[in-house]
Amino acid sequence: MKVNLVLLKVGGINKAFSLPSTVTIVGRRQDCDLCVPLMVISRRHCALNMDDGVLSIRDLGSSNGTFVNGERIEEVDLVPGDRVAIGPLNFVVQIDGVPAEIVGDESVAARPEGRAKVNTEGGDLIAAPDSPVQPDMNNTEIINITDE
């Protein structure tokens, strides 16, 4: 099972992040599998788990919560096309290439009510574990996410 989290970016340019193992930790700490160095993301925010062909996501007690299809979750199984919101970032779950085409629709990938939208001059930052070495990011690449 090949799983991608496809980051929905303003302007329709999406970025896919492959899950590196059967358990993937997302958080602000540099030792997380998917490091998102934003203060609205908890140090260890959520975990994605692949087990016997089933993909699930579990919130790890984050302050701002993990949302699937607009609903705050503790733990839930994911299917292709599900929308996952982690802080200000919106992802679409892609499993074995499904869905093949992913369109960023802010009305579908809605932010939780009352949550501030991160908007910085240079863009937000996310780190991918499969990228060239960057000494300040624990072997990760920094990618700008523009949020207009």
N, C-alpha and C. Protein backbone atom coordinates (compact mmCIF):
# COMPACT_ATOMS: atom_id res chain seq x y z
N MET A 1 0.86 -1.18 0.00
CA MET A 1 0.00 0.00 0.00
C MET A 1 0.90 1.23 0.00
N LYS A 2 0.75 2.08 -1.02
CA LYS A 2 1.52 3.32 -1.11
C LYS A 2 0.61 4.47 -0.71
N VAL A 3 1.00 5.17 0.34
CA VAL A 3 0.18 6.25 0.88
C VAL A 3 0.92 7.58 0.76
N ASN A 4 0.22 8.59 0.26
CA ASN A 4 0.72 9.96 0.20
C ASN A 4 -0.23 10.87 0.94
N LEU A 5 0.34 11.85 1.63
CA LEU A 5 -0.43 12.99 2.10
C LEU A 5 -0.13 14.10 1.11
N VAL A 6 -1.16 14.56 0.42
CA VAL A 6 -0.97 15.59 -0.60
C VAL A 6 -1.35 16.93 0.01
N LEU A 7 -0.36 17.78 0.15
CA LEU A 7 -0.55 19.10 0.73
C LEU A 7 -1.24 20.00 -0.28
N LEU A 8 -2.36 20.60 0.13
CA LEU A 8 -3.10 21.53 -0.72
C LEU A 8 -2.53 22.92 -0.51
N LYS A 9 -1.99 23.48 -1.58
CA LYS A 9 -1.38 24.80 -1.50
C LYS A 9 -2.21 25.79 -2.31
N VAL A 10 -2.16 27.05 -1.91
CA VAL A 10 -2.83 28.11 -2.64
C VAL A 10 -2.27 28.14 -4.06
N GLY A 11 -3.14 28.30 -5.03
CA GLY A 11 -2.69 28.35 -6.42
C GLY A 11 -2.75 27.00 -7.11
N GLY A 12 -3.18 25.95 -6.39
CA GLY A 12 -3.36 24.64 -7.01
C GLY A 12 -2.10 23.83 -7.20
N ILE A 13 -0.96 24.28 -6.69
CA ILE A 13 0.28 23.51 -6.80
C ILE A 13 0.38 22.66 -5.53
N ASN A 14 0.11 21.37 -5.68
CA ASN A 14 0.11 20.48 -4.53
C ASN A 14 1.47 19.81 -4.38
N LYS A 15 1.76 19.33 -3.16
CA LYS A 15 3.02 18.65 -2.87
C LYS A 15 2.68 17.36 -2.14
N ALA A 16 3.13 16.22 -2.68
CA ALA A 16 2.85 14.92 -2.08
C ALA A 16 3.99 14.51 -1.15
N PHE A 17 3.63 13.99 0.02
CA PHE A 17 4.59 13.47 0.99
C PHE A 17 4.26 12.00 1.22
N SER A 18 5.18 11.12 0.85
CA SER A 18 4.99 9.68 1.06
C SER A 18 5.19 9.36 2.54
N LEU A 19 4.38 8.46 3.05
CA LEU A 19 4.57 8.04 4.43
C LEU A 19 5.77 7.11 4.47
N PRO A 20 6.79 7.42 5.29
CA PRO A 20 8.05 6.69 5.26
C PRO A 20 8.01 5.30 5.90
N SER A 21 7.03 5.02 6.74
CA SER A 21 6.99 3.71 7.40
C SER A 21 5.55 3.38 7.79
N THR A 22 5.36 2.26 8.46
CA THR A 22 4.01 1.87 8.86
C THR A 22 3.44 2.79 9.94
N VAL A 23 4.30 3.42 10.71
CA VAL A 23 3.87 4.42 11.69
C VAL A 23 4.62 5.71 11.38
N THR A 24 3.86 6.78 11.12
CA THR A 24 4.43 8.07 10.78
C THR A 24 3.95 9.10 11.80
N ILE A 25 4.89 9.73 12.48
CA ILE A 25 4.56 10.77 13.46
C ILE A 25 4.70 12.13 12.79
N VAL A 26 3.66 12.95 12.94
CA VAL A 26 3.66 14.32 12.43
C VAL A 26 3.72 15.26 13.62
N GLY A 27 4.62 16.23 13.57
CA GLY A 27 4.72 17.18 14.67
C GLY A 27 5.80 18.21 14.44
N ARG A 28 5.98 19.05 15.44
CA ARG A 28 6.93 20.15 15.36
C ARG A 28 8.36 19.72 15.70
N ARG A 29 8.52 18.65 16.47
CA ARG A 29 9.86 18.20 16.85
C ARG A 29 10.63 17.74 15.64
N GLN A 30 11.92 18.00 15.66
CA GLN A 30 12.77 17.64 14.53
C GLN A 30 12.90 16.14 14.33
N ASP A 31 12.64 15.35 15.36
CA ASP A 31 12.75 13.90 15.21
C ASP A 31 11.45 13.24 14.74
N CYS A 32 10.43 14.04 14.41
CA CYS A 32 9.20 13.49 13.85
C CYS A 32 9.45 13.07 12.41
N ASP A 33 8.68 12.10 11.93
CA ASP A 33 8.83 11.63 10.56
C ASP A 33 8.45 12.71 9.55
N LEU A 34 7.44 13.49 9.87
CA LEU A 34 7.05 14.65 9.06
C LEU A 34 7.06 15.84 10.00
N CYS A 35 8.10 16.67 9.87
CA CYS A 35 8.31 17.80 10.77
C CYS A 35 7.68 19.06 10.19
N VAL A 36 6.79 19.68 10.96
CA VAL A 36 6.14 20.93 10.57
C VAL A 36 6.50 21.97 11.61
N PRO A 37 7.54 22.77 11.36
CA PRO A 37 8.04 23.70 12.38
C PRO A 37 7.20 24.97 12.51
N LEU A 38 5.95 24.79 12.93
CA LEU A 38 5.04 25.91 13.19
C LEU A 38 4.55 25.78 14.62
N MET A 39 4.45 26.91 15.31
CA MET A 39 4.05 26.88 16.73
C MET A 39 2.63 26.36 16.94
N VAL A 40 1.75 26.41 15.95
CA VAL A 40 0.38 25.91 16.12
C VAL A 40 0.32 24.39 16.02
N ILE A 41 1.44 23.78 15.64
CA ILE A 41 1.53 22.32 15.57
C ILE A 41 2.19 21.84 16.87
N SER A 42 1.61 20.81 17.49
CA SER A 42 2.19 20.27 18.71
C SER A 42 3.50 19.55 18.40
N ARG A 43 4.32 19.37 19.44
CA ARG A 43 5.62 18.71 19.23
C ARG A 43 5.43 17.33 18.60
N ARG A 44 4.50 16.57 19.11
CA ARG A 44 4.08 15.29 18.52
C ARG A 44 2.58 15.42 18.35
N HIS A 45 2.14 15.77 17.15
CA HIS A 45 0.76 16.18 16.91
C HIS A 45 -0.18 14.99 16.64
N CYS A 46 0.20 14.15 15.67
CA CYS A 46 -0.64 13.00 15.34
C CYS A 46 0.21 11.88 14.76
N ALA A 47 -0.38 10.69 14.69
CA ALA A 47 0.30 9.52 14.15
C ALA A 47 -0.58 8.87 13.09
N LEU A 48 0.04 8.52 11.97
CA LEU A 48 -0.64 7.75 10.93
C LEU A 48 -0.10 6.34 11.00
N ASN A 49 -1.00 5.35 10.94
CA ASN A 49 -0.62 3.96 11.11
C ASN A 49 -1.19 3.13 9.97
N MET A 50 -0.33 2.36 9.30
CA MET A 50 -0.77 1.41 8.27
C MET A 50 -0.68 0.01 8.86
N ASP A 51 -1.81 -0.69 8.89
CA ASP A 51 -1.82 -2.02 9.48
C ASP A 51 -2.80 -2.89 8.69
N ASP A 52 -2.30 -3.97 8.09
CA ASP A 52 -3.13 -4.92 7.32
C ASP A 52 -4.02 -4.22 6.30
N GLY A 53 -3.45 -3.27 5.56
CA GLY A 53 -4.19 -2.60 4.50
C GLY A 53 -5.14 -1.52 4.96
N VAL A 54 -5.09 -1.18 6.24
CA VAL A 54 -5.95 -0.12 6.79
C VAL A 54 -5.07 1.03 7.25
N LEU A 55 -5.41 2.24 6.83
CA LEU A 55 -4.71 3.44 7.26
C LEU A 55 -5.56 4.16 8.29
N SER A 56 -4.95 4.48 9.43
CA SER A 56 -5.67 5.22 10.46
C SER A 56 -4.83 6.41 10.91
N ILE A 57 -5.51 7.37 11.52
CA ILE A 57 -4.84 8.55 12.07
C ILE A 57 -5.32 8.71 13.50
N ARG A 58 -4.37 9.07 14.39
CA ARG A 58 -4.69 9.25 15.81
C ARG A 58 -4.07 10.56 16.28
N ASP A 59 -4.87 11.39 16.92
CA ASP A 59 -4.35 12.61 17.53
C ASP A 59 -3.57 12.21 18.77
N LEU A 60 -2.42 12.84 18.98
CA LEU A 60 -1.55 12.50 20.12
C LEU A 60 -1.70 13.51 21.26
N GLY A 61 -2.92 13.98 21.49
CA GLY A 61 -3.16 14.94 22.56
C GLY A 61 -2.75 16.35 22.19
N SER A 62 -2.82 16.67 20.91
CA SER A 62 -2.40 18.00 20.45
C SER A 62 -3.31 19.09 21.01
N SER A 63 -2.75 20.28 21.16
CA SER A 63 -3.53 21.40 21.69
C SER A 63 -4.61 21.86 20.73
N ASN A 64 -4.29 21.91 19.43
CA ASN A 64 -5.21 22.45 18.44
C ASN A 64 -6.00 21.39 17.69
N GLY A 65 -5.72 20.13 17.96
CA GLY A 65 -6.50 19.05 17.37
C GLY A 65 -6.08 18.65 15.97
N THR A 66 -6.57 17.47 15.57
CA THR A 66 -6.40 16.93 14.24
C THR A 66 -7.81 16.76 13.68
N PHE A 67 -8.00 17.18 12.43
CA PHE A 67 -9.33 17.18 11.84
C PHE A 67 -9.35 16.33 10.58
N VAL A 68 -10.39 15.53 10.42
CA VAL A 68 -10.60 14.75 9.21
C VAL A 68 -11.97 15.14 8.66
N ASN A 69 -11.97 15.60 7.42
CA ASN A 69 -13.20 16.06 6.76
C ASN A 69 -13.96 17.07 7.61
N GLY A 70 -13.21 17.96 8.27
CA GLY A 70 -13.81 19.04 9.05
C GLY A 70 -14.21 18.68 10.46
N GLU A 71 -14.04 17.44 10.87
CA GLU A 71 -14.42 17.00 12.22
C GLU A 71 -13.18 16.71 13.04
N ARG A 72 -13.16 17.21 14.29
CA ARG A 72 -12.05 16.91 15.18
C ARG A 72 -12.10 15.44 15.56
N ILE A 73 -10.95 14.77 15.51
CA ILE A 73 -10.93 13.33 15.75
C ILE A 73 -9.97 12.99 16.89
N GLU A 74 -10.19 11.83 17.48
CA GLU A 74 -9.20 11.22 18.37
C GLU A 74 -8.47 10.13 17.60
N GLU A 75 -9.25 9.27 16.94
CA GLU A 75 -8.69 8.25 16.07
C GLU A 75 -9.76 7.84 15.08
N VAL A 76 -9.34 7.64 13.81
CA VAL A 76 -10.29 7.27 12.77
C VAL A 76 -9.53 6.59 11.63
N ASP A 77 -10.21 5.66 10.95
CA ASP A 77 -9.65 5.06 9.74
C ASP A 77 -9.83 6.04 8.59
N LEU A 78 -8.84 6.06 7.69
CA LEU A 78 -8.86 6.97 6.55
C LEU A 78 -9.10 6.19 5.26
N VAL A 79 -9.75 6.85 4.31
CA VAL A 79 -9.95 6.29 2.98
C VAL A 79 -9.45 7.31 1.97
N PRO A 80 -9.17 6.86 0.73
CA PRO A 80 -8.70 7.80 -0.28
C PRO A 80 -9.66 8.99 -0.43
N GLY A 81 -9.06 10.19 -0.52
CA GLY A 81 -9.86 11.40 -0.69
C GLY A 81 -10.21 12.12 0.60
N ASP A 82 -9.97 11.46 1.75
CA ASP A 82 -10.24 12.14 3.03
C ASP A 82 -9.37 13.39 3.13
N ARG A 83 -9.91 14.43 3.74
CA ARG A 83 -9.18 15.68 3.97
C ARG A 83 -8.73 15.72 5.41
N VAL A 84 -7.43 15.92 5.61
CA VAL A 84 -6.84 15.96 6.94
C VAL A 84 -6.29 17.37 7.17
N ALA A 85 -6.71 18.01 8.27
CA ALA A 85 -6.21 19.34 8.64
C ALA A 85 -5.36 19.19 9.90
N ILE A 86 -4.11 19.65 9.79
CA ILE A 86 -3.17 19.65 10.90
C ILE A 86 -2.69 21.09 11.02
N GLY A 87 -3.15 21.78 12.05
CA GLY A 87 -2.86 23.21 12.14
C GLY A 87 -3.40 23.91 10.90
N PRO A 88 -2.63 24.79 10.29
CA PRO A 88 -3.10 25.53 9.12
C PRO A 88 -2.94 24.76 7.81
N LEU A 89 -2.44 23.52 7.88
CA LEU A 89 -2.17 22.76 6.67
C LEU A 89 -3.30 21.79 6.37
N ASN A 90 -3.65 21.71 5.09
CA ASN A 90 -4.70 20.81 4.63
C ASN A 90 -4.11 19.80 3.66
N PHE A 91 -4.37 18.52 3.93
CA PHE A 91 -3.88 17.43 3.11
C PHE A 91 -5.04 16.61 2.59
N VAL A 92 -4.82 15.92 1.46
CA VAL A 92 -5.74 14.91 0.96
C VAL A 92 -5.01 13.58 1.03
N VAL A 93 -5.71 12.56 1.50
CA VAL A 93 -5.14 11.21 1.59
C VAL A 93 -5.22 10.56 0.22
N GLN A 94 -4.06 10.08 -0.26
CA GLN A 94 -3.99 9.38 -1.53
C GLN A 94 -3.42 7.99 -1.26
N ILE A 95 -4.19 6.95 -1.61
CA ILE A 95 -3.76 5.57 -1.38
C ILE A 95 -3.70 4.86 -2.72
N ASP A 96 -2.52 4.32 -3.04
CA ASP A 96 -2.30 3.62 -4.31
C ASP A 96 -2.79 4.44 -5.50
N GLY A 97 -2.50 5.75 -5.48
CA GLY A 97 -2.83 6.63 -6.59
C GLY A 97 -4.26 7.10 -6.65
N VAL A 98 -5.07 6.77 -5.64
CA VAL A 98 -6.48 7.18 -5.61
C VAL A 98 -6.68 8.17 -4.47
N PRO A 99 -7.29 9.32 -4.70
CA PRO A 99 -7.74 9.83 -5.99
C PRO A 99 -6.55 10.25 -6.86
N ALA A 100 -6.72 10.08 -8.17
CA ALA A 100 -5.65 10.40 -9.11
C ALA A 100 -5.47 11.90 -9.26
N GLU A 101 -6.58 12.62 -9.29
CA GLU A 101 -6.54 14.08 -9.42
C GLU A 101 -7.03 14.69 -8.13
N ILE A 102 -6.23 15.61 -7.60
CA ILE A 102 -6.58 16.25 -6.33
C ILE A 102 -6.67 17.74 -6.56
N VAL A 103 -7.83 18.28 -6.22
CA VAL A 103 -8.07 19.71 -6.39
C VAL A 103 -8.25 20.32 -5.01
N GLY A 104 -7.52 21.39 -4.74
CA GLY A 104 -7.64 22.09 -3.46
C GLY A 104 -8.90 22.92 -3.43
N ASP A 105 -9.83 22.56 -2.57
CA ASP A 105 -11.09 23.29 -2.42
C ASP A 105 -11.21 23.71 -0.97
N GLU A 106 -11.00 24.98 -0.69
CA GLU A 106 -11.03 25.48 0.69
C GLU A 106 -12.36 25.21 1.38
N SER A 107 -13.46 25.11 0.61
CA SER A 107 -14.75 24.85 1.24
C SER A 107 -14.82 23.41 1.75
N VAL A 108 -14.14 22.48 1.06
CA VAL A 108 -14.13 21.08 1.49
C VAL A 108 -13.10 20.87 2.58
N ALA A 109 -11.92 21.45 2.40
CA ALA A 109 -10.84 21.29 3.37
C ALA A 109 -10.87 22.45 4.36
N ALA A 110 -12.05 22.70 4.88
CA ALA A 110 -12.24 23.88 5.71
C ALA A 110 -11.43 23.82 6.99
N ARG A 111 -10.96 24.97 7.40
CA ARG A 111 -10.26 25.08 8.68
C ARG A 111 -11.29 25.03 9.80
N PRO A 112 -10.88 24.52 10.94
CA PRO A 112 -11.78 24.50 12.09
C PRO A 112 -12.23 25.92 12.45
N GLU A 113 -13.45 26.01 12.90
CA GLU A 113 -14.02 27.31 13.30
C GLU A 113 -13.14 27.99 14.33
N GLY A 114 -12.92 29.29 14.18
CA GLY A 114 -12.19 30.08 15.16
C GLY A 114 -10.69 29.93 15.10
N ARG A 115 -10.15 29.12 14.22
CA ARG A 115 -8.71 28.90 14.13
C ARG A 115 -8.11 29.96 13.23
N ALA A 116 -7.08 30.59 13.70
CA ALA A 116 -6.40 31.61 12.91
C ALA A 116 -5.69 30.95 11.74
N LYS A 117 -5.69 31.62 10.61
CA LYS A 117 -5.01 31.15 9.42
C LYS A 117 -3.60 31.70 9.43
N VAL A 118 -2.60 30.82 9.37
CA VAL A 118 -1.22 31.28 9.38
C VAL A 118 -0.93 31.97 8.06
N ASN A 119 -0.42 33.19 8.13
CA ASN A 119 -0.10 33.96 6.93
C ASN A 119 1.18 34.71 7.19
N THR A 120 2.25 34.23 6.60
CA THR A 120 3.53 34.87 6.81
C THR A 120 4.07 35.37 5.49
N GLU A 121 4.93 36.36 5.54
CA GLU A 121 5.45 36.97 4.32
C GLU A 121 6.17 35.96 3.44
N GLY A 122 7.01 35.13 4.02
CA GLY A 122 7.78 34.17 3.23
C GLY A 122 7.11 32.83 3.05
N GLY A 123 5.95 32.61 3.62
CA GLY A 123 5.28 31.33 3.54
C GLY A 123 5.49 30.53 4.81
N ASP A 124 4.70 29.50 4.97
CA ASP A 124 4.83 28.59 6.10
C ASP A 124 5.92 27.58 5.77
N LEU A 125 6.31 26.78 6.74
CA LEU A 125 7.36 25.80 6.51
C LEU A 125 6.86 24.41 6.83
N ILE A 126 7.30 23.47 6.03
CA ILE A 126 7.06 22.06 6.32
C ILE A 126 8.34 21.33 5.94
N ALA A 127 8.62 20.24 6.58
CA ALA A 127 9.85 19.52 6.29
C ALA A 127 9.52 18.11 5.84
N ALA A 128 10.22 17.65 4.84
CA ALA A 128 10.01 16.30 4.30
C ALA A 128 11.20 15.41 4.66
N PRO A 129 10.94 14.22 5.18
CA PRO A 129 12.04 13.37 5.65
C PRO A 129 12.88 12.76 4.53
N ASP A 130 12.40 12.75 3.29
CA ASP A 130 13.12 12.08 2.21
C ASP A 130 13.93 13.06 1.36
N SER A 131 14.37 14.15 1.93
CA SER A 131 15.02 15.21 1.17
C SER A 131 16.50 15.33 1.54
N PRO A 132 17.26 16.12 0.75
CA PRO A 132 18.68 16.31 1.05
C PRO A 132 18.91 16.88 2.45
N VAL A 133 20.10 16.65 2.97
CA VAL A 133 20.44 17.05 4.34
C VAL A 133 20.42 18.58 4.49
N GLN A 134 19.77 19.05 5.52
CA GLN A 134 19.78 20.44 5.95
C GLN A 134 20.15 20.41 7.42
N PRO A 135 21.31 20.90 7.81
CA PRO A 135 21.78 20.72 9.19
C PRO A 135 20.83 21.26 10.25
N ASP A 136 20.05 22.28 9.94
CA ASP A 136 19.17 22.85 10.95
C ASP A 136 17.82 22.13 11.03
N MET A 137 17.56 21.18 10.17
CA MET A 137 16.26 20.53 10.16
C MET A 137 16.35 19.01 10.29
N ASN A 138 17.47 18.49 10.82
CA ASN A 138 17.59 17.07 11.09
C ASN A 138 17.33 16.22 9.84
N ASN A 139 18.13 16.47 8.80
CA ASN A 139 18.05 15.73 7.54
C ASN A 139 16.72 15.91 6.82
N THR A 140 16.18 17.10 6.83
CA THR A 140 14.93 17.36 6.14
C THR A 140 15.06 18.57 5.24
N GLU A 141 14.15 18.69 4.31
CA GLU A 141 14.13 19.81 3.38
C GLU A 141 13.02 20.78 3.84
N ILE A 142 13.28 22.06 3.71
CA ILE A 142 12.25 23.05 4.04
C ILE A 142 11.60 23.48 2.76
N ILE A 143 10.28 23.48 2.76
CA ILE A 143 9.51 23.84 1.58
C ILE A 143 8.59 24.98 1.97
N ASN A 144 8.56 26.05 1.17
CA ASN A 144 7.65 27.16 1.44
C ASN A 144 6.23 26.78 1.06
N ILE A 145 5.29 27.15 1.92
CA ILE A 145 3.88 26.98 1.64
C ILE A 145 3.26 28.36 1.67
N THR A 146 2.91 28.87 0.53
CA THR A 146 2.32 30.21 0.52
C THR A 146 0.87 30.11 0.94
N ASP A 147 0.44 31.04 1.70
CA ASP A 147 -0.91 31.04 2.27
C ASP A 147 -1.45 32.45 2.13
N GLU A 148 -2.12 32.71 1.03
CA GLU A 148 -2.58 34.08 0.75
C GLU A 148 -3.97 34.32 1.25
